[in-house]
Amino acid sequence: MGDQRLMRRTGDAPAFADVPFAMGVAAQRPYVGGDGRPSTGWHIAFGDVDNDGRDDVFIAKGNVQQMPGNAMEDPNNLLMAQEDRTFAEAGDVAGVASMHRGRGRPWLI
């Protein structure tokens, strides 16, 4: 729970750079609804939502009542991969900006 962080591998060694703001994948505050308190991200999943060959990002959101310092109205994120390797929020136009509490679920194989 908390900020969803995207890291980019740097070089051949196991070293990574923290790049969420530069790439447009910072989901630390609600992007609709007007609640400016910090978000509570629960699950992140990658997949090519629009079949353009690039992985997009879905983040399930939703506060629990025991955390009044965090946003209570916290929509899910759908971050669409752009050609320039950044991401753009599309949760509101895709219809997944639900204010209901969301949680992740592992894929069943």
PDB file of N, CA and C in Angstrom:
ATOM      1  N   MET A   1       0.837  -1.176   0.000  1.00  0.00           N
ATOM      2  CA  MET A   1       0.000   0.000   0.000  1.00  0.00           C
ATOM      3  C   MET A   1       0.880   1.236   0.000  1.00  0.00           C
ATOM      4  N   GLY A   2       0.484   2.220  -0.747  1.00  0.00           N
ATOM      5  CA  GLY A   2       1.261   3.444  -0.806  1.00  0.00           C
ATOM      6  C   GLY A   2       1.637   3.773  -2.231  1.00  0.00           C
ATOM      7  N   ASP A   3       2.632   4.632  -2.396  1.00  0.00           N
ATOM      8  CA  ASP A   3       3.052   5.035  -3.734  1.00  0.00           C
ATOM      9  C   ASP A   3       3.462   3.834  -4.560  1.00  0.00           C
ATOM     10  N   GLN A   4       3.044   3.842  -5.809  1.00  0.00           N
ATOM     11  CA  GLN A   4       3.494   2.840  -6.771  1.00  0.00           C
ATOM     12  C   GLN A   4       4.704   3.455  -7.458  1.00  0.00           C
ATOM     13  N   ARG A   5       5.837   2.811  -7.373  1.00  0.00           N
ATOM     14  CA  ARG A   5       7.071   3.379  -7.899  1.00  0.00           C
ATOM     15  C   ARG A   5       7.535   2.605  -9.121  1.00  0.00           C
ATOM     16  N   LEU A   6       7.908   3.312 -10.189  1.00  0.00           N
ATOM     17  CA  LEU A   6       8.451   2.684 -11.379  1.00  0.00           C
ATOM     18  C   LEU A   6       9.945   2.952 -11.400  1.00  0.00           C
ATOM     19  N   MET A   7      10.693   1.884 -11.571  1.00  0.00           N
ATOM     20  CA  MET A   7      12.144   1.978 -11.618  1.00  0.00           C
ATOM     21  C   MET A   7      12.603   1.588 -13.016  1.00  0.00           C
ATOM     22  N   ARG A   8      13.659   2.243 -13.503  1.00  0.00           N
ATOM     23  CA  ARG A   8      14.247   1.910 -14.803  1.00  0.00           C
ATOM     24  C   ARG A   8      15.655   1.372 -14.557  1.00  0.00           C
ATOM     25  N   ARG A   9      15.950   0.245 -15.188  1.00  0.00           N
ATOM     26  CA  ARG A   9      17.282  -0.352 -15.057  1.00  0.00           C
ATOM     27  C   ARG A   9      18.313   0.580 -15.678  1.00  0.00           C
ATOM     28  N   THR A  10      19.447   0.729 -15.014  1.00  0.00           N
ATOM     29  CA  THR A  10      20.526   1.578 -15.516  1.00  0.00           C
ATOM     30  C   THR A  10      21.761   0.713 -15.738  1.00  0.00           C
ATOM     31  N   GLY A  11      22.154   0.532 -16.969  1.00  0.00           N
ATOM     32  CA  GLY A  11      23.341  -0.265 -17.295  1.00  0.00           C
ATOM     33  C   GLY A  11      23.093  -1.755 -17.162  1.00  0.00           C
ATOM     34  N   ASP A  12      24.196  -2.513 -17.080  1.00  0.00           N
ATOM     35  CA  ASP A  12      24.118  -3.973 -17.004  1.00  0.00           C
ATOM     36  C   ASP A  12      24.082  -4.481 -15.572  1.00  0.00           C
ATOM     37  N   ALA A  13      24.503  -3.670 -14.640  1.00  0.00           N
ATOM     38  CA  ALA A  13      24.524  -4.081 -13.230  1.00  0.00           C
ATOM     39  C   ALA A  13      23.109  -4.002 -12.651  1.00  0.00           C
ATOM     40  N   PRO A  14      22.882  -4.640 -11.510  1.00  0.00           N
ATOM     41  CA  PRO A  14      21.548  -4.537 -10.887  1.00  0.00           C
ATOM     42  C   PRO A  14      21.356  -3.186 -10.204  1.00  0.00           C
ATOM     43  N   ALA A  15      21.297  -2.122 -11.004  1.00  0.00           N
ATOM     44  CA  ALA A  15      21.088  -0.772 -10.492  1.00  0.00           C
ATOM     45  C   ALA A  15      19.873  -0.180 -11.197  1.00  0.00           C
ATOM     46  N   PHE A  16      19.091   0.593 -10.432  1.00  0.00           N
ATOM     47  CA  PHE A  16      17.860   1.145 -10.972  1.00  0.00           C
ATOM     48  C   PHE A  16      17.734   2.621 -10.621  1.00  0.00           C
ATOM     49  N   ALA A  17      17.063   3.368 -11.479  1.00  0.00           N
ATOM     50  CA  ALA A  17      16.788   4.781 -11.231  1.00  0.00           C
ATOM     51  C   ALA A  17      15.297   4.937 -10.965  1.00  0.00           C
ATOM     52  N   ASP A  18      14.954   5.781 -10.014  1.00  0.00           N
ATOM     53  CA  ASP A  18      13.574   6.069  -9.668  1.00  0.00           C
ATOM     54  C   ASP A  18      13.056   7.085 -10.689  1.00  0.00           C
ATOM     55  N   VAL A  19      12.089   6.692 -11.528  1.00  0.00           N
ATOM     56  CA  VAL A  19      11.697   7.532 -12.654  1.00  0.00           C
ATOM     57  C   VAL A  19      10.201   7.842 -12.766  1.00  0.00           C
ATOM     58  N   PRO A  20       9.398   7.713 -11.709  1.00  0.00           N
ATOM     59  CA  PRO A  20       7.960   7.869 -11.929  1.00  0.00           C
ATOM     60  C   PRO A  20       7.534   9.251 -12.416  1.00  0.00           C
ATOM     61  N   PHE A  21       8.113  10.309 -11.900  1.00  0.00           N
ATOM     62  CA  PHE A  21       7.685  11.644 -12.311  1.00  0.00           C
ATOM     63  C   PHE A  21       8.123  11.949 -13.740  1.00  0.00           C
ATOM     64  N   ALA A  22       9.343  11.581 -14.082  1.00  0.00           N
ATOM     65  CA  ALA A  22       9.849  11.832 -15.427  1.00  0.00           C
ATOM     66  C   ALA A  22       9.069  11.066 -16.488  1.00  0.00           C
ATOM     67  N   MET A  23       8.535   9.892 -16.124  1.00  0.00           N
ATOM     68  CA  MET A  23       7.826   9.063 -17.100  1.00  0.00           C
ATOM     69  C   MET A  23       6.312   9.225 -17.051  1.00  0.00           C
ATOM     70  N   GLY A  24       5.793  10.000 -16.108  1.00  0.00           N
ATOM     71  CA  GLY A  24       4.357  10.213 -16.029  1.00  0.00           C
ATOM     72  C   GLY A  24       3.605   9.094 -15.336  1.00  0.00           C
ATOM     73  N   VAL A  25       4.290   8.350 -14.487  1.00  0.00           N
ATOM     74  CA  VAL A  25       3.626   7.248 -13.783  1.00  0.00           C
ATOM     75  C   VAL A  25       3.555   7.496 -12.278  1.00  0.00           C
ATOM     76  N   ALA A  26       3.569   8.741 -11.879  1.00  0.00           N
ATOM     77  CA  ALA A  26       3.407   9.069 -10.469  1.00  0.00           C
ATOM     78  C   ALA A  26       1.914   9.052 -10.153  1.00  0.00           C
ATOM     79  N   ALA A  27       1.503   8.123  -9.316  1.00  0.00           N
ATOM     80  CA  ALA A  27       0.078   7.982  -8.967  1.00  0.00           C
ATOM     81  C   ALA A  27      -0.104   8.239  -7.480  1.00  0.00           C
ATOM     82  N   GLN A  28       0.543   9.284  -6.987  1.00  0.00           N
ATOM     83  CA  GLN A  28       0.585   9.529  -5.553  1.00  0.00           C
ATOM     84  C   GLN A  28      -0.571  10.357  -5.023  1.00  0.00           C
ATOM     85  N   ARG A  29      -1.385  10.940  -5.922  1.00  0.00           N
ATOM     86  CA  ARG A  29      -2.548  11.734  -5.527  1.00  0.00           C
ATOM     87  C   ARG A  29      -3.697  11.429  -6.487  1.00  0.00           C
ATOM     88  N   PRO A  30      -4.944  11.537  -6.037  1.00  0.00           N
ATOM     89  CA  PRO A  30      -6.071  11.350  -6.952  1.00  0.00           C
ATOM     90  C   PRO A  30      -6.033  12.373  -8.083  1.00  0.00           C
ATOM     91  N   TYR A  31      -6.322  11.932  -9.291  1.00  0.00           N
ATOM     92  CA  TYR A  31      -6.291  12.816 -10.461  1.00  0.00           C
ATOM     93  C   TYR A  31      -7.663  13.373 -10.805  1.00  0.00           C
ATOM     94  N   VAL A  32      -8.722  12.871 -10.178  1.00  0.00           N
ATOM     95  CA  VAL A  32     -10.071  13.427 -10.297  1.00  0.00           C
ATOM     96  C   VAL A  32     -10.718  13.391  -8.918  1.00  0.00           C
ATOM     97  N   GLY A  33     -11.720  14.193  -8.719  1.00  0.00           N
ATOM     98  CA  GLY A  33     -12.479  14.153  -7.477  1.00  0.00           C
ATOM     99  C   GLY A  33     -12.127  15.204  -6.452  1.00  0.00           C
ATOM    100  N   GLY A  34     -10.977  15.861  -6.570  1.00  0.00           N
ATOM    101  CA  GLY A  34     -10.652  16.967  -5.696  1.00  0.00           C
ATOM    102  C   GLY A  34     -10.047  16.631  -4.339  1.00  0.00           C
ATOM    103  N   ASP A  35      -9.841  15.362  -4.006  1.00  0.00           N
ATOM    104  CA  ASP A  35      -9.213  15.002  -2.727  1.00  0.00           C
ATOM    105  C   ASP A  35      -7.707  15.020  -2.920  1.00  0.00           C
ATOM    106  N   GLY A  36      -7.021  15.979  -2.312  1.00  0.00           N
ATOM    107  CA  GLY A  36      -5.593  16.148  -2.523  1.00  0.00           C
ATOM    108  C   GLY A  36      -4.701  15.371  -1.578  1.00  0.00           C
ATOM    109  N   ARG A  37      -5.304  14.581  -0.703  1.00  0.00           N
ATOM    110  CA  ARG A  37      -4.486  13.796   0.219  1.00  0.00           C
ATOM    111  C   ARG A  37      -3.791  12.657  -0.525  1.00  0.00           C
ATOM    112  N   PRO A  38      -2.724  12.078   0.061  1.00  0.00           N
ATOM    113  CA  PRO A  38      -1.999  10.999  -0.619  1.00  0.00           C
ATOM    114  C   PRO A  38      -2.887   9.803  -0.940  1.00  0.00           C
ATOM    115  N   SER A  39      -2.569   9.168  -2.072  1.00  0.00           N
ATOM    116  CA  SER A  39      -3.286   7.981  -2.522  1.00  0.00           C
ATOM    117  C   SER A  39      -2.833   6.737  -1.763  1.00  0.00           C
ATOM    118  N   THR A  40      -3.650   5.714  -1.879  1.00  0.00           N
ATOM    119  CA  THR A  40      -3.285   4.399  -1.364  1.00  0.00           C
ATOM    120  C   THR A  40      -3.384   3.402  -2.506  1.00  0.00           C
ATOM    121  N   GLY A  41      -2.244   3.115  -3.133  1.00  0.00           N
ATOM    122  CA  GLY A  41      -2.199   2.142  -4.225  1.00  0.00           C
ATOM    123  C   GLY A  41      -2.047   0.740  -3.655  1.00  0.00           C
ATOM    124  N   TRP A  42      -2.816  -0.197  -4.210  1.00  0.00           N
ATOM    125  CA  TRP A  42      -2.823  -1.557  -3.666  1.00  0.00           C
ATOM    126  C   TRP A  42      -2.257  -2.586  -4.608  1.00  0.00           C
ATOM    127  N   HIS A  43      -2.430  -2.407  -5.864  1.00  0.00           N
ATOM    128  CA  HIS A  43      -1.982  -3.427  -6.815  1.00  0.00           C
ATOM    129  C   HIS A  43      -1.677  -2.751  -8.131  1.00  0.00           C
ATOM    130  N   ILE A  44      -0.602  -3.177  -8.767  1.00  0.00           N
ATOM    131  CA  ILE A  44      -0.250  -2.657 -10.082  1.00  0.00           C
ATOM    132  C   ILE A  44      -0.162  -3.834 -11.039  1.00  0.00           C
ATOM    133  N   ALA A  45      -0.708  -3.662 -12.230  1.00  0.00           N
ATOM    134  CA  ALA A  45      -0.666  -4.702 -13.249  1.00  0.00           C
ATOM    135  C   ALA A  45      -0.293  -4.076 -14.584  1.00  0.00           C
ATOM    136  N   PHE A  46       0.498  -4.800 -15.345  1.00  0.00           N
ATOM    137  CA  PHE A  46       0.919  -4.352 -16.667  1.00  0.00           C
ATOM    138  C   PHE A  46       0.195  -5.166 -17.735  1.00  0.00           C
ATOM    139  N   GLY A  47      -0.160  -4.536 -18.837  1.00  0.00           N
ATOM    140  CA  GLY A  47      -0.788  -5.220 -19.962  1.00  0.00           C
ATOM    141  C   GLY A  47      -1.038  -4.239 -21.082  1.00  0.00           C
ATOM    142  N   ASP A  48      -1.107  -4.747 -22.290  1.00  0.00           N
ATOM    143  CA  ASP A  48      -1.310  -3.905 -23.462  1.00  0.00           C
ATOM    144  C   ASP A  48      -2.803  -3.684 -23.669  1.00  0.00           C
ATOM    145  N   VAL A  49      -3.347  -2.691 -22.997  1.00  0.00           N
ATOM    146  CA  VAL A  49      -4.791  -2.434 -23.004  1.00  0.00           C
ATOM    147  C   VAL A  49      -5.312  -2.062 -24.389  1.00  0.00           C
ATOM    148  N   ASP A  50      -4.566  -1.266 -25.138  1.00  0.00           N
ATOM    149  CA  ASP A  50      -5.047  -0.777 -26.433  1.00  0.00           C
ATOM    150  C   ASP A  50      -4.398  -1.470 -27.629  1.00  0.00           C
ATOM    151  N   ASN A  51      -3.725  -2.594 -27.400  1.00  0.00           N
ATOM    152  CA  ASN A  51      -3.126  -3.413 -28.472  1.00  0.00           C
ATOM    153  C   ASN A  51      -2.180  -2.629 -29.382  1.00  0.00           C
ATOM    154  N   ASP A  52      -1.361  -1.747 -28.779  1.00  0.00           N
ATOM    155  CA  ASP A  52      -0.400  -1.000 -29.586  1.00  0.00           C
ATOM    156  C   ASP A  52       1.025  -1.529 -29.434  1.00  0.00           C
ATOM    157  N   GLY A  53       1.194  -2.653 -28.737  1.00  0.00           N
ATOM    158  CA  GLY A  53       2.516  -3.248 -28.557  1.00  0.00           C
ATOM    159  C   GLY A  53       3.279  -2.733 -27.356  1.00  0.00           C
ATOM    160  N   ARG A  54       2.677  -1.821 -26.584  1.00  0.00           N
ATOM    161  CA  ARG A  54       3.346  -1.271 -25.399  1.00  0.00           C
ATOM    162  C   ARG A  54       2.547  -1.634 -24.155  1.00  0.00           C
ATOM    163  N   ASP A  55       3.245  -2.008 -23.082  1.00  0.00           N
ATOM    164  CA  ASP A  55       2.567  -2.323 -21.826  1.00  0.00           C
ATOM    165  C   ASP A  55       2.035  -1.058 -21.169  1.00  0.00           C
ATOM    166  N   ASP A  56       0.765  -1.082 -20.826  1.00  0.00           N
ATOM    167  CA  ASP A  56       0.113  -0.017 -20.079  1.00  0.00           C
ATOM    168  C   ASP A  56       0.051  -0.444 -18.616  1.00  0.00           C
ATOM    169  N   VAL A  57      -0.365   0.464 -17.730  1.00  0.00           N
ATOM    170  CA  VAL A  57      -0.335   0.199 -16.292  1.00  0.00           C
ATOM    171  C   VAL A  57      -1.707   0.471 -15.670  1.00  0.00           C
ATOM    172  N   PHE A  58      -2.214  -0.499 -14.913  1.00  0.00           N
ATOM    173  CA  PHE A  58      -3.432  -0.318 -14.130  1.00  0.00           C
ATOM    174  C   PHE A  58      -3.044  -0.365 -12.651  1.00  0.00           C
ATOM    175  N   ILE A  59      -3.536   0.598 -11.858  1.00  0.00           N
ATOM    176  CA  ILE A  59      -3.271   0.616 -10.418  1.00  0.00           C
ATOM    177  C   ILE A  59      -4.600   0.652  -9.690  1.00  0.00           C
ATOM    178  N   ALA A  60      -4.867  -0.388  -8.891  1.00  0.00           N
ATOM    179  CA  ALA A  60      -6.075  -0.429  -8.066  1.00  0.00           C
ATOM    180  C   ALA A  60      -5.855   0.463  -6.857  1.00  0.00           C
ATOM    181  N   LYS A  61      -6.845   1.296  -6.545  1.00  0.00           N
ATOM    182  CA  LYS A  61      -6.724   2.252  -5.446  1.00  0.00           C
ATOM    183  C   LYS A  61      -7.882   2.109  -4.474  1.00  0.00           C
ATOM    184  N   GLY A  62      -7.738   2.716  -3.309  1.00  0.00           N
ATOM    185  CA  GLY A  62      -8.839   2.775  -2.358  1.00  0.00           C
ATOM    186  C   GLY A  62      -8.371   2.711  -0.923  1.00  0.00           C
ATOM    187  N   ASN A  63      -8.701   3.716  -0.174  1.00  0.00           N
ATOM    188  CA  ASN A  63      -8.309   3.838   1.227  1.00  0.00           C
ATOM    189  C   ASN A  63      -9.113   2.881   2.108  1.00  0.00           C
ATOM    190  N   VAL A  64      -8.546   2.617   3.261  1.00  0.00           N
ATOM    191  CA  VAL A  64      -9.290   1.912   4.300  1.00  0.00           C
ATOM    192  C   VAL A  64      -9.688   2.953   5.337  1.00  0.00           C
ATOM    193  N   GLN A  65     -10.748   2.725   6.054  1.00  0.00           N
ATOM    194  CA  GLN A  65     -11.268   3.744   6.971  1.00  0.00           C
ATOM    195  C   GLN A  65     -10.300   4.069   8.104  1.00  0.00           C
ATOM    196  N   GLN A  66      -9.362   3.218   8.390  1.00  0.00           N
ATOM    197  CA  GLN A  66      -8.416   3.455   9.483  1.00  0.00           C
ATOM    198  C   GLN A  66      -7.336   4.466   9.109  1.00  0.00           C
ATOM    199  N   MET A  67      -7.331   4.983   7.883  1.00  0.00           N
ATOM    200  CA  MET A  67      -6.281   5.889   7.434  1.00  0.00           C
ATOM    201  C   MET A  67      -6.870   7.232   7.006  1.00  0.00           C
ATOM    202  N   PRO A  68      -7.333   8.045   7.953  1.00  0.00           N
ATOM    203  CA  PRO A  68      -7.981   9.306   7.588  1.00  0.00           C
ATOM    204  C   PRO A  68      -7.038  10.334   6.967  1.00  0.00           C
ATOM    205  N   GLY A  69      -5.736  10.139   7.079  1.00  0.00           N
ATOM    206  CA  GLY A  69      -4.786  11.068   6.471  1.00  0.00           C
ATOM    207  C   GLY A  69      -4.594  10.852   4.990  1.00  0.00           C
ATOM    208  N   ASN A  70      -5.184   9.788   4.449  1.00  0.00           N
ATOM    209  CA  ASN A  70      -5.057   9.495   3.024  1.00  0.00           C
ATOM    210  C   ASN A  70      -6.385   9.757   2.319  1.00  0.00           C
ATOM    211  N   ALA A  71      -6.317   9.909   1.016  1.00  0.00           N
ATOM    212  CA  ALA A  71      -7.502  10.224   0.216  1.00  0.00           C
ATOM    213  C   ALA A  71      -8.572   9.156   0.366  1.00  0.00           C
ATOM    214  N   MET A  72      -9.787   9.580   0.658  1.00  0.00           N
ATOM    215  CA  MET A  72     -10.905   8.650   0.738  1.00  0.00           C
ATOM    216  C   MET A  72     -11.539   8.466  -0.641  1.00  0.00           C
ATOM    217  N   GLU A  73     -11.518   9.478  -1.475  1.00  0.00           N
ATOM    218  CA  GLU A  73     -12.022   9.417  -2.853  1.00  0.00           C
ATOM    219  C   GLU A  73     -10.800   9.269  -3.751  1.00  0.00           C
ATOM    220  N   ASP A  74     -10.443   8.030  -4.077  1.00  0.00           N
ATOM    221  CA  ASP A  74      -9.171   7.741  -4.737  1.00  0.00           C
ATOM    222  C   ASP A  74      -9.409   6.826  -5.936  1.00  0.00           C
ATOM    223  N   PRO A  75      -9.489   7.384  -7.148  1.00  0.00           N
ATOM    224  CA  PRO A  75      -9.817   6.575  -8.318  1.00  0.00           C
ATOM    225  C   PRO A  75      -8.674   5.674  -8.775  1.00  0.00           C
ATOM    226  N   ASN A  76      -9.046   4.540  -9.368  1.00  0.00           N
ATOM    227  CA  ASN A  76      -8.054   3.674  -9.999  1.00  0.00           C
ATOM    228  C   ASN A  76      -7.351   4.447 -11.101  1.00  0.00           C
ATOM    229  N   ASN A  77      -6.123   4.057 -11.390  1.00  0.00           N
ATOM    230  CA  ASN A  77      -5.362   4.681 -12.474  1.00  0.00           C
ATOM    231  C   ASN A  77      -5.258   3.722 -13.654  1.00  0.00           C
ATOM    232  N   LEU A  78      -5.311   4.261 -14.851  1.00  0.00           N
ATOM    233  CA  LEU A  78      -4.971   3.532 -16.068  1.00  0.00           C
ATOM    234  C   LEU A  78      -3.989   4.409 -16.824  1.00  0.00           C
ATOM    235  N   LEU A  79      -2.731   4.046 -16.756  1.00  0.00           N
ATOM    236  CA  LEU A  79      -1.660   4.827 -17.362  1.00  0.00           C
ATOM    237  C   LEU A  79      -1.290   4.194 -18.692  1.00  0.00           C
ATOM    238  N   MET A  80      -1.523   4.929 -19.763  1.00  0.00           N
ATOM    239  CA  MET A  80      -1.308   4.410 -21.114  1.00  0.00           C
ATOM    240  C   MET A  80       0.085   4.784 -21.608  1.00  0.00           C
ATOM    241  N   ALA A  81       0.818   3.772 -22.096  1.00  0.00           N
ATOM    242  CA  ALA A  81       2.167   3.978 -22.612  1.00  0.00           C
ATOM    243  C   ALA A  81       2.109   4.782 -23.905  1.00  0.00           C
ATOM    244  N   GLN A  82       2.980   5.775 -23.989  1.00  0.00           N
ATOM    245  CA  GLN A  82       3.074   6.642 -25.164  1.00  0.00           C
ATOM    246  C   GLN A  82       4.301   6.243 -25.989  1.00  0.00           C
ATOM    247  N   GLU A  83       4.357   6.694 -27.232  1.00  0.00           N
ATOM    248  CA  GLU A  83       5.483   6.369 -28.109  1.00  0.00           C
ATOM    249  C   GLU A  83       6.820   6.854 -27.570  1.00  0.00           C
ATOM    250  N   ASP A  84       6.815   7.957 -26.813  1.00  0.00           N
ATOM    251  CA  ASP A  84       8.070   8.526 -26.298  1.00  0.00           C
ATOM    252  C   ASP A  84       8.503   7.896 -24.968  1.00  0.00           C
ATOM    253  N   ARG A  85       7.909   6.749 -24.593  1.00  0.00           N
ATOM    254  CA  ARG A  85       8.247   5.986 -23.387  1.00  0.00           C
ATOM    255  C   ARG A  85       7.767   6.662 -22.105  1.00  0.00           C
ATOM    256  N   THR A  86       6.823   7.593 -22.209  1.00  0.00           N
ATOM    257  CA  THR A  86       6.165   8.161 -21.034  1.00  0.00           C
ATOM    258  C   THR A  86       4.760   7.551 -20.974  1.00  0.00           C
ATOM    259  N   PHE A  87       4.005   7.937 -19.940  1.00  0.00           N
ATOM    260  CA  PHE A  87       2.656   7.416 -19.748  1.00  0.00           C
ATOM    261  C   PHE A  87       1.682   8.573 -19.575  1.00  0.00           C
ATOM    262  N   ALA A  88       0.436   8.365 -19.980  1.00  0.00           N
ATOM    263  CA  ALA A  88      -0.605   9.379 -19.832  1.00  0.00           C
ATOM    264  C   ALA A  88      -1.808   8.759 -19.136  1.00  0.00           C
ATOM    265  N   GLU A  89      -2.368   9.473 -18.160  1.00  0.00           N
ATOM    266  CA  GLU A  89      -3.533   8.991 -17.417  1.00  0.00           C
ATOM    267  C   GLU A  89      -4.741   8.901 -18.337  1.00  0.00           C
ATOM    268  N   ALA A  90      -5.451   7.762 -18.298  1.00  0.00           N
ATOM    269  CA  ALA A  90      -6.647   7.568 -19.117  1.00  0.00           C
ATOM    270  C   ALA A  90      -7.766   6.904 -18.327  1.00  0.00           C
ATOM    271  N   GLY A  91      -7.607   6.788 -17.025  1.00  0.00           N
ATOM    272  CA  GLY A  91      -8.615   6.119 -16.206  1.00  0.00           C
ATOM    273  C   GLY A  91      -9.981   6.752 -16.292  1.00  0.00           C
ATOM    274  N   ASP A  92     -10.026   8.081 -16.357  1.00  0.00           N
ATOM    275  CA  ASP A  92     -11.319   8.764 -16.403  1.00  0.00           C
ATOM    276  C   ASP A  92     -12.024   8.546 -17.743  1.00  0.00           C
ATOM    277  N   VAL A  93     -11.307   8.631 -18.846  1.00  0.00           N
ATOM    278  CA  VAL A  93     -11.943   8.447 -20.152  1.00  0.00           C
ATOM    279  C   VAL A  93     -12.222   6.974 -20.450  1.00  0.00           C
ATOM    280  N   ALA A  94     -11.476   6.055 -19.824  1.00  0.00           N
ATOM    281  CA  ALA A  94     -11.687   4.614 -20.035  1.00  0.00           C
ATOM    282  C   ALA A  94     -12.792   4.061 -19.141  1.00  0.00           C
ATOM    283  N   GLY A  95     -13.240   4.869 -18.171  1.00  0.00           N
ATOM    284  CA  GLY A  95     -14.324   4.426 -17.295  1.00  0.00           C
ATOM    285  C   GLY A  95     -13.892   3.571 -16.127  1.00  0.00           C
ATOM    286  N   VAL A  96     -12.609   3.609 -15.761  1.00  0.00           N
ATOM    287  CA  VAL A  96     -12.138   2.813 -14.619  1.00  0.00           C
ATOM    288  C   VAL A  96     -11.790   3.679 -13.412  1.00  0.00           C
ATOM    289  N   ALA A  97     -12.160   4.957 -13.453  1.00  0.00           N
ATOM    290  CA  ALA A  97     -11.851   5.884 -12.357  1.00  0.00           C
ATOM    291  C   ALA A  97     -12.852   5.728 -11.219  1.00  0.00           C
ATOM    292  N   SER A  98     -13.108   4.507 -10.828  1.00  0.00           N
ATOM    293  CA  SER A  98     -14.075   4.216  -9.778  1.00  0.00           C
ATOM    294  C   SER A  98     -13.588   4.740  -8.431  1.00  0.00           C
ATOM    295  N   MET A  99     -14.503   5.264  -7.647  1.00  0.00           N
ATOM    296  CA  MET A  99     -14.178   5.713  -6.303  1.00  0.00           C
ATOM    297  C   MET A  99     -14.418   4.597  -5.273  1.00  0.00           C
ATOM    298  N   HIS A 100     -14.820   3.427  -5.739  1.00  0.00           N
ATOM    299  CA  HIS A 100     -14.971   2.275  -4.845  1.00  0.00           C
ATOM    300  C   HIS A 100     -13.596   1.765  -4.458  1.00  0.00           C
ATOM    301  N   ARG A 101     -13.486   1.151  -3.326  1.00  0.00           N
ATOM    302  CA  ARG A 101     -12.200   0.613  -2.876  1.00  0.00           C
ATOM    303  C   ARG A 101     -11.797  -0.580  -3.729  1.00  0.00           C
ATOM    304  N   GLY A 102     -10.642  -0.475  -4.337  1.00  0.00           N
ATOM    305  CA  GLY A 102     -10.129  -1.556  -5.168  1.00  0.00           C
ATOM    306  C   GLY A 102      -8.954  -2.235  -4.485  1.00  0.00           C
ATOM    307  N   ARG A 103      -8.777  -3.493  -4.787  1.00  0.00           N
ATOM    308  CA  ARG A 103      -7.638  -4.259  -4.283  1.00  0.00           C
ATOM    309  C   ARG A 103      -7.119  -5.128  -5.418  1.00  0.00           C
ATOM    310  N   GLY A 104      -5.903  -5.577  -5.308  1.00  0.00           N
ATOM    311  CA  GLY A 104      -5.323  -6.455  -6.326  1.00  0.00           C
ATOM    312  C   GLY A 104      -5.634  -7.886  -6.048  1.00  0.00           C
ATOM    313  N   ARG A 105      -5.531  -8.683  -7.071  1.00  0.00           N
ATOM    314  CA  ARG A 105      -5.702 -10.120  -6.959  1.00  0.00           C
ATOM    315  C   ARG A 105      -4.685 -10.770  -7.865  1.00  0.00           C
ATOM    316  N   PRO A 106      -3.926 -11.717  -7.357  1.00  0.00           N
ATOM    317  CA  PRO A 106      -2.951 -12.382  -8.230  1.00  0.00           C
ATOM    318  C   PRO A 106      -3.658 -13.175  -9.319  1.00  0.00           C
ATOM    319  N   TRP A 107      -3.013 -13.280 -10.448  1.00  0.00           N
ATOM    320  CA  TRP A 107      -3.554 -14.076 -11.552  1.00  0.00           C
ATOM    321  C   TRP A 107      -3.561 -15.537 -11.168  1.00  0.00           C
ATOM    322  N   LEU A 108      -4.603 -16.219 -11.527  1.00  0.00           N
ATOM    323  CA  LEU A 108      -4.706 -17.651 -11.291  1.00  0.00           C
ATOM    324  C   LEU A 108      -4.221 -18.382 -12.535  1.00  0.00           C
ATOM    325  N   ILE A 109      -3.301 -19.299 -12.326  1.00  0.00           N
ATOM    326  CA  ILE A 109      -2.732 -20.040 -13.477  1.00  0.00           C
ATOM    327  C   ILE A 109      -3.238 -21.464 -13.440  1.00  0.00           C
TER     328      ILE A 109
END
